[in-house]
Amino acid sequence: MKRAVLLAAWLAVPAVALADDYSGMLAYLDVTRIDGRALAGASGAIAINQAAGDLNIQANLHGMASGDRADVAIVARQQHSNDVVLSAPLEASAHIAGQALAGASGIASINQASGIANTTLNVVSATLARQGIRESDDTALAASDIASAGGQGDTGDGVAAGIRSVGVSSTALRGFDGVLQLNQIAGARNDTANVLGLVVQGNP
């Protein structure tokens, strides 16, 4: 008898209500969030890739070397090819809140992407050598052997405007000590990258 009542109740739900629930579910799936005390007090090399949506590409690359003639070369290729998405989500957001990473230290590389066909990249290279200090100019940092991002697929026509939001609350990342790289995206077909290269002279 109970089963019959439950079945009748389910059949009585209007089709519009079911459609609204489905839309709400899709909106939820395009939300990325780091909250609470996630990684609070952590130390060392911290790498976070968080994505919600379709066709998002993310990478965190760290390279370190020490020696008389030490050198670091990082090669990154991020590329979409012949991907088609018909529509974008009604809501896309990426947020860091609470006390996330509070008091953490070291190298923190964070990629947060909500939406479609976004590419995010964080690169850190550090060399402790004895040849002396060398500087990297803008041309070197933009070279393809360091980082390359692009070639997105077609995200379709008639993409809804929707709601887009990104943010970091005032309580998150409080007291962080070290190198912090953050890419936050809510939307479609965005490319972002953080590239840090260090060469330091060592002791003789």
C-alpha atoms as a PDB file:
ATOM      1  CA  MET A   1       0.000   0.000   0.000  1.00  0.00           C
ATOM      2  CA  LYS A   2       2.817   2.385   0.833  1.00  0.00           C
ATOM      3  CA  ARG A   3       4.429   1.749  -2.536  1.00  0.00           C
ATOM      4  CA  ALA A   4       1.206   2.675  -4.337  1.00  0.00           C
ATOM      5  CA  VAL A   5       0.966   5.936  -2.404  1.00  0.00           C
ATOM      6  CA  LEU A   6       4.577   6.863  -3.208  1.00  0.00           C
ATOM      7  CA  LEU A   7       4.077   6.068  -6.866  1.00  0.00           C
ATOM      8  CA  ALA A   8       0.935   8.183  -7.024  1.00  0.00           C
ATOM      9  CA  ALA A   9       2.722  11.079  -5.354  1.00  0.00           C
ATOM     10  CA  TRP A  10       5.555  10.858  -7.891  1.00  0.00           C
ATOM     11  CA  LEU A  11       3.169  10.829 -10.841  1.00  0.00           C
ATOM     12  CA  ALA A  12       1.415  13.879  -9.423  1.00  0.00           C
ATOM     13  CA  VAL A  13       4.595  16.028  -9.631  1.00  0.00           C
ATOM     14  CA  PRO A  14       4.177  18.538 -12.498  1.00  0.00           C
ATOM     15  CA  ALA A  15       6.564  18.260 -15.430  1.00  0.00           C
ATOM     16  CA  VAL A  16       7.614  21.886 -14.872  1.00  0.00           C
ATOM     17  CA  ALA A  17       8.806  21.100 -11.352  1.00  0.00           C
ATOM     18  CA  LEU A  18      10.901  18.200 -12.632  1.00  0.00           C
ATOM     19  CA  ALA A  19      12.454  20.478 -15.253  1.00  0.00           C
ATOM     20  CA  ASP A  20      13.288  23.068 -12.584  1.00  0.00           C
ATOM     21  CA  ASP A  21      14.994  20.422 -10.445  1.00  0.00           C
ATOM     22  CA  TYR A  22      17.049  19.304 -13.443  1.00  0.00           C
ATOM     23  CA  SER A  23      18.127  22.870 -14.202  1.00  0.00           C
ATOM     24  CA  GLY A  24      19.103  23.353 -10.579  1.00  0.00           C
ATOM     25  CA  MET A  25      21.210  20.213 -10.683  1.00  0.00           C
ATOM     26  CA  LEU A  26      23.058  21.408 -13.783  1.00  0.00           C
ATOM     27  CA  ALA A  27      23.741  24.772 -12.138  1.00  0.00           C
ATOM     28  CA  TYR A  28      25.161  23.024  -9.072  1.00  0.00           C
ATOM     29  CA  LEU A  29      27.501  20.943 -11.217  1.00  0.00           C
ATOM     30  CA  ASP A  30      29.119  24.139 -12.528  1.00  0.00           C
ATOM     31  CA  VAL A  31      30.131  25.442  -9.112  1.00  0.00           C
ATOM     32  CA  THR A  32      33.649  24.975  -7.728  1.00  0.00           C
ATOM     33  CA  ARG A  33      34.374  25.883  -4.119  1.00  0.00           C
ATOM     34  CA  ILE A  34      37.188  25.432  -1.606  1.00  0.00           C
ATOM     35  CA  ASP A  35      35.793  26.041   1.857  1.00  0.00           C
ATOM     36  CA  GLY A  36      36.029  25.246   5.563  1.00  0.00           C
ATOM     37  CA  ARG A  37      39.568  24.592   6.780  1.00  0.00           C
ATOM     38  CA  ALA A  38      40.735  22.888   3.606  1.00  0.00           C
ATOM     39  CA  LEU A  39      44.562  22.714   3.608  1.00  0.00           C
ATOM     40  CA  ALA A  40      44.777  25.147   6.532  1.00  0.00           C
ATOM     41  CA  GLY A  41      48.283  24.947   7.994  1.00  0.00           C
ATOM     42  CA  ALA A  42      49.585  22.813   5.114  1.00  0.00           C
ATOM     43  CA  SER A  43      53.188  23.235   4.022  1.00  0.00           C
ATOM     44  CA  GLY A  44      55.317  22.287   1.042  1.00  0.00           C
ATOM     45  CA  ALA A  45      54.209  22.010  -2.579  1.00  0.00           C
ATOM     46  CA  ILE A  46      50.413  22.349  -2.783  1.00  0.00           C
ATOM     47  CA  ALA A  47      48.695  21.789  -6.143  1.00  0.00           C
ATOM     48  CA  ILE A  48      44.922  22.035  -6.631  1.00  0.00           C
ATOM     49  CA  ASN A  49      42.969  21.436  -9.836  1.00  0.00           C
ATOM     50  CA  GLN A  50      39.215  21.921  -9.485  1.00  0.00           C
ATOM     51  CA  ALA A  51      36.840  21.986 -12.451  1.00  0.00           C
ATOM     52  CA  ALA A  52      33.087  21.857 -13.060  1.00  0.00           C
ATOM     53  CA  GLY A  53      31.651  21.805 -16.555  1.00  0.00           C
ATOM     54  CA  ASP A  54      32.898  20.510 -19.886  1.00  0.00           C
ATOM     55  CA  LEU A  55      36.231  20.465 -21.711  1.00  0.00           C
ATOM     56  CA  ASN A  56      38.249  22.302 -19.052  1.00  0.00           C
ATOM     57  CA  ILE A  57      42.020  21.701 -19.061  1.00  0.00           C
ATOM     58  CA  GLN A  58      44.234  22.386 -16.039  1.00  0.00           C
ATOM     59  CA  ALA A  59      47.864  21.855 -15.079  1.00  0.00           C
ATOM     60  CA  ASN A  60      50.202  22.680 -12.198  1.00  0.00           C
ATOM     61  CA  LEU A  61      53.860  22.152 -13.109  1.00  0.00           C
ATOM     62  CA  HIS A  62      56.802  22.589 -10.726  1.00  0.00           C
ATOM     63  CA  GLY A  63      60.466  22.037 -11.602  1.00  0.00           C
ATOM     64  CA  MET A  64      63.510  22.540  -9.394  1.00  0.00           C
ATOM     65  CA  ALA A  65      67.206  21.826  -9.938  1.00  0.00           C
ATOM     66  CA  SER A  66      70.463  22.356  -8.052  1.00  0.00           C
ATOM     67  CA  GLY A  67      74.043  21.917  -9.222  1.00  0.00           C
ATOM     68  CA  ASP A  68      77.065  23.492 -10.912  1.00  0.00           C
ATOM     69  CA  ARG A  69      75.228  23.823 -14.239  1.00  0.00           C
ATOM     70  CA  ALA A  70      71.671  23.150 -13.146  1.00  0.00           C
ATOM     71  CA  ASP A  71      68.846  24.120 -15.437  1.00  0.00           C
ATOM     72  CA  VAL A  72      65.058  23.627 -15.565  1.00  0.00           C
ATOM     73  CA  ALA A  73      62.952  23.498 -18.731  1.00  0.00           C
ATOM     74  CA  ILE A  74      59.180  23.040 -18.497  1.00  0.00           C
ATOM     75  CA  VAL A  75      57.118  22.376 -21.607  1.00  0.00           C
ATOM     76  CA  ALA A  76      53.322  22.704 -21.498  1.00  0.00           C
ATOM     77  CA  ARG A  77      50.771  22.240 -24.261  1.00  0.00           C
ATOM     78  CA  GLN A  78      47.070  22.729 -23.542  1.00  0.00           C
ATOM     79  CA  GLN A  79      44.831  22.278 -26.541  1.00  0.00           C
ATOM     80  CA  HIS A  80      41.251  21.398 -27.497  1.00  0.00           C
ATOM     81  CA  SER A  81      40.443  20.006 -30.930  1.00  0.00           C
ATOM     82  CA  ASN A  82      37.080  19.611 -32.660  1.00  0.00           C
ATOM     83  CA  ASP A  83      35.058  19.698 -29.437  1.00  0.00           C
ATOM     84  CA  VAL A  84      31.502  21.029 -29.620  1.00  0.00           C
ATOM     85  CA  VAL A  85      29.293  22.101 -26.705  1.00  0.00           C
ATOM     86  CA  LEU A  86      25.776  23.237 -27.467  1.00  0.00           C
ATOM     87  CA  SER A  87      25.100  25.536 -24.515  1.00  0.00           C
ATOM     88  CA  ALA A  88      26.668  27.041 -21.403  1.00  0.00           C
ATOM     89  CA  PRO A  89      25.410  26.580 -17.824  1.00  0.00           C
ATOM     90  CA  LEU A  90      22.920  29.050 -16.368  1.00  0.00           C
ATOM     91  CA  GLU A  91      25.234  29.554 -13.391  1.00  0.00           C
ATOM     92  CA  ALA A  92      29.012  29.251 -13.078  1.00  0.00           C
ATOM     93  CA  SER A  93      31.044  30.244 -10.028  1.00  0.00           C
ATOM     94  CA  ALA A  94      34.474  29.625  -8.488  1.00  0.00           C
ATOM     95  CA  HIS A  95      35.136  30.663  -4.892  1.00  0.00           C
ATOM     96  CA  ILE A  96      37.588  30.180  -2.039  1.00  0.00           C
ATOM     97  CA  ALA A  97      35.997  30.784   1.350  1.00  0.00           C
ATOM     98  CA  GLY A  98      36.122  29.888   5.026  1.00  0.00           C
ATOM     99  CA  GLN A  99      39.640  29.439   6.374  1.00  0.00           C
ATOM    100  CA  ALA A 100      40.921  27.549   3.360  1.00  0.00           C
ATOM    101  CA  LEU A 101      44.756  27.525   3.227  1.00  0.00           C
ATOM    102  CA  ALA A 102      44.915  29.833   6.256  1.00  0.00           C
ATOM    103  CA  GLY A 103      48.391  29.703   7.757  1.00  0.00           C
ATOM    104  CA  ALA A 104      49.681  27.519   4.936  1.00  0.00           C
ATOM    105  CA  SER A 105      53.196  27.942   3.545  1.00  0.00           C
ATOM    106  CA  GLY A 106      55.321  26.915   0.601  1.00  0.00           C
ATOM    107  CA  ILE A 107      54.209  26.890  -3.038  1.00  0.00           C
ATOM    108  CA  ALA A 108      50.448  26.847  -3.605  1.00  0.00           C
ATOM    109  CA  SER A 109      49.239  26.530  -7.201  1.00  0.00           C
ATOM    110  CA  ILE A 110      45.453  26.635  -7.561  1.00  0.00           C
ATOM    111  CA  ASN A 111      43.268  26.232 -10.656  1.00  0.00           C
ATOM    112  CA  GLN A 112      39.504  26.742 -10.296  1.00  0.00           C
ATOM    113  CA  ALA A 113      37.344  26.643 -13.412  1.00  0.00           C
ATOM    114  CA  SER A 114      33.565  26.521 -13.824  1.00  0.00           C
ATOM    115  CA  GLY A 115      32.111  26.513 -17.311  1.00  0.00           C
ATOM    116  CA  ILE A 116      33.183  25.345 -20.730  1.00  0.00           C
ATOM    117  CA  ALA A 117      36.480  24.990 -22.621  1.00  0.00           C
ATOM    118  CA  ASN A 118      38.699  26.928 -20.220  1.00  0.00           C
ATOM    119  CA  THR A 119      42.450  26.386 -19.888  1.00  0.00           C
ATOM    120  CA  THR A 120      44.422  27.235 -16.743  1.00  0.00           C
ATOM    121  CA  LEU A 121      48.116  26.734 -16.089  1.00  0.00           C
ATOM    122  CA  ASN A 122      50.521  27.367 -13.205  1.00  0.00           C
ATOM    123  CA  VAL A 123      54.269  26.962 -13.711  1.00  0.00           C
ATOM    124  CA  VAL A 124      57.068  27.368 -11.158  1.00  0.00           C
ATOM    125  CA  SER A 125      60.697  26.722 -12.083  1.00  0.00           C
ATOM    126  CA  ALA A 126      63.582  27.305  -9.676  1.00  0.00           C
ATOM    127  CA  THR A 127      67.288  26.754 -10.300  1.00  0.00           C
ATOM    128  CA  LEU A 128      70.075  26.945  -7.734  1.00  0.00           C
ATOM    129  CA  ALA A 129      73.236  27.193  -9.846  1.00  0.00           C
ATOM    130  CA  ARG A 130      76.759  28.563  -9.654  1.00  0.00           C
ATOM    131  CA  GLN A 131      76.871  30.407 -12.971  1.00  0.00           C
ATOM    132  CA  GLY A 132      75.479  33.568 -11.415  1.00  0.00           C
ATOM    133  CA  ILE A 133      72.040  35.149 -11.454  1.00  0.00           C
ATOM    134  CA  ARG A 134      70.242  35.305 -14.813  1.00  0.00           C
ATOM    135  CA  GLU A 135      67.122  37.328 -15.497  1.00  0.00           C
ATOM    136  CA  SER A 136      64.165  36.149 -17.604  1.00  0.00           C
ATOM    137  CA  ASP A 137      62.608  38.879 -19.731  1.00  0.00           C
ATOM    138  CA  ASP A 138      58.984  38.981 -20.944  1.00  0.00           C
ATOM    139  CA  THR A 139      59.912  37.360 -24.252  1.00  0.00           C
ATOM    140  CA  ALA A 140      61.437  34.366 -22.526  1.00  0.00           C
ATOM    141  CA  LEU A 141      58.457  33.938 -20.202  1.00  0.00           C
ATOM    142  CA  ALA A 142      56.058  33.965 -23.167  1.00  0.00           C
ATOM    143  CA  ALA A 143      58.086  31.463 -25.195  1.00  0.00           C
ATOM    144  CA  SER A 144      56.401  28.246 -26.261  1.00  0.00           C
ATOM    145  CA  ASP A 145      58.977  26.099 -24.450  1.00  0.00           C
ATOM    146  CA  ILE A 146      57.755  27.528 -21.136  1.00  0.00           C
ATOM    147  CA  ALA A 147      53.984  27.561 -21.527  1.00  0.00           C
ATOM    148  CA  SER A 148      51.419  27.371 -24.281  1.00  0.00           C
ATOM    149  CA  ALA A 149      47.620  27.484 -23.982  1.00  0.00           C
ATOM    150  CA  GLY A 150      44.908  27.677 -26.620  1.00  0.00           C
ATOM    151  CA  GLY A 151      43.062  26.031 -29.476  1.00  0.00           C
ATOM    152  CA  GLN A 152      39.657  25.856 -27.831  1.00  0.00           C
ATOM    153  CA  GLY A 153      36.768  24.004 -29.388  1.00  0.00           C
ATOM    154  CA  ASP A 154      33.493  25.523 -30.493  1.00  0.00           C
ATOM    155  CA  THR A 155      31.199  26.281 -27.555  1.00  0.00           C
ATOM    156  CA  GLY A 156      28.154  26.606 -29.775  1.00  0.00           C
ATOM    157  CA  ASP A 157      25.771  29.402 -30.677  1.00  0.00           C
ATOM    158  CA  GLY A 158      23.275  31.201 -28.484  1.00  0.00           C
ATOM    159  CA  VAL A 159      25.193  30.819 -25.230  1.00  0.00           C
ATOM    160  CA  ALA A 160      23.052  32.077 -22.348  1.00  0.00           C
ATOM    161  CA  ALA A 161      24.380  35.049 -20.403  1.00  0.00           C
ATOM    162  CA  GLY A 162      23.616  33.455 -17.037  1.00  0.00           C
ATOM    163  CA  ILE A 163      25.385  34.283 -13.776  1.00  0.00           C
ATOM    164  CA  ARG A 164      29.184  34.307 -13.516  1.00  0.00           C
ATOM    165  CA  SER A 165      31.094  34.946 -10.295  1.00  0.00           C
ATOM    166  CA  VAL A 166      34.544  34.346  -8.835  1.00  0.00           C
ATOM    167  CA  GLY A 167      35.976  35.447  -5.518  1.00  0.00           C
ATOM    168  CA  VAL A 168      38.173  34.888  -2.480  1.00  0.00           C
ATOM    169  CA  SER A 169      36.718  35.685   0.935  1.00  0.00           C
ATOM    170  CA  SER A 170      38.620  37.872   3.387  1.00  0.00           C
ATOM    171  CA  THR A 171      39.118  34.932   5.779  1.00  0.00           C
ATOM    172  CA  ALA A 172      40.618  32.552   3.214  1.00  0.00           C
ATOM    173  CA  LEU A 173      44.393  32.403   2.611  1.00  0.00           C
ATOM    174  CA  ARG A 174      44.938  34.559   5.702  1.00  0.00           C
ATOM    175  CA  GLY A 175      48.523  34.280   6.925  1.00  0.00           C
ATOM    176  CA  PHE A 176      49.721  32.353   3.857  1.00  0.00           C
ATOM    177  CA  ASP A 177      53.504  32.525   3.491  1.00  0.00           C
ATOM    178  CA  GLY A 178      55.268  31.701   0.242  1.00  0.00           C
ATOM    179  CA  VAL A 179      54.432  31.625  -3.466  1.00  0.00           C
ATOM    180  CA  LEU A 180      50.738  31.717  -4.320  1.00  0.00           C
ATOM    181  CA  GLN A 181      49.417  31.167  -7.858  1.00  0.00           C
ATOM    182  CA  LEU A 182      45.679  31.425  -8.450  1.00  0.00           C
ATOM    183  CA  ASN A 183      43.601  31.037 -11.612  1.00  0.00           C
ATOM    184  CA  GLN A 184      39.839  31.506 -11.129  1.00  0.00           C
ATOM    185  CA  ILE A 185      37.446  31.275 -14.075  1.00  0.00           C
ATOM    186  CA  ALA A 186      33.670  31.271 -14.424  1.00  0.00           C
ATOM    187  CA  GLY A 187      32.572  31.294 -18.049  1.00  0.00           C
ATOM    188  CA  ALA A 188      33.640  29.899 -21.395  1.00  0.00           C
ATOM    189  CA  ARG A 189      36.778  29.841 -23.556  1.00  0.00           C
ATOM    190  CA  ASN A 190      39.111  31.645 -21.175  1.00  0.00           C
ATOM    191  CA  ASP A 191      42.897  31.126 -21.037  1.00  0.00           C
ATOM    192  CA  THR A 192      44.870  32.066 -17.915  1.00  0.00           C
ATOM    193  CA  ALA A 193      48.405  31.261 -16.799  1.00  0.00           C
ATOM    194  CA  ASN A 194      50.851  32.114 -14.011  1.00  0.00           C
ATOM    195  CA  VAL A 195      54.528  31.556 -14.819  1.00  0.00           C
ATOM    196  CA  LEU A 196      57.301  32.120 -12.256  1.00  0.00           C
ATOM    197  CA  GLY A 197      60.951  31.454 -13.064  1.00  0.00           C
ATOM    198  CA  LEU A 198      63.800  31.891 -10.572  1.00  0.00           C
ATOM    199  CA  VAL A 199      67.547  31.405 -11.008  1.00  0.00           C
ATOM    200  CA  VAL A 200      69.636  31.967  -7.874  1.00  0.00           C
ATOM    201  CA  GLN A 201      73.408  31.904  -7.463  1.00  0.00           C
ATOM    202  CA  GLY A 202      74.549  29.241  -5.034  1.00  0.00           C
ATOM    203  CA  ASN A 203      77.507  29.193  -2.685  1.00  0.00           C
ATOM    204  CA  PRO A 204      80.950  28.579  -4.270  1.00  0.00           C
END
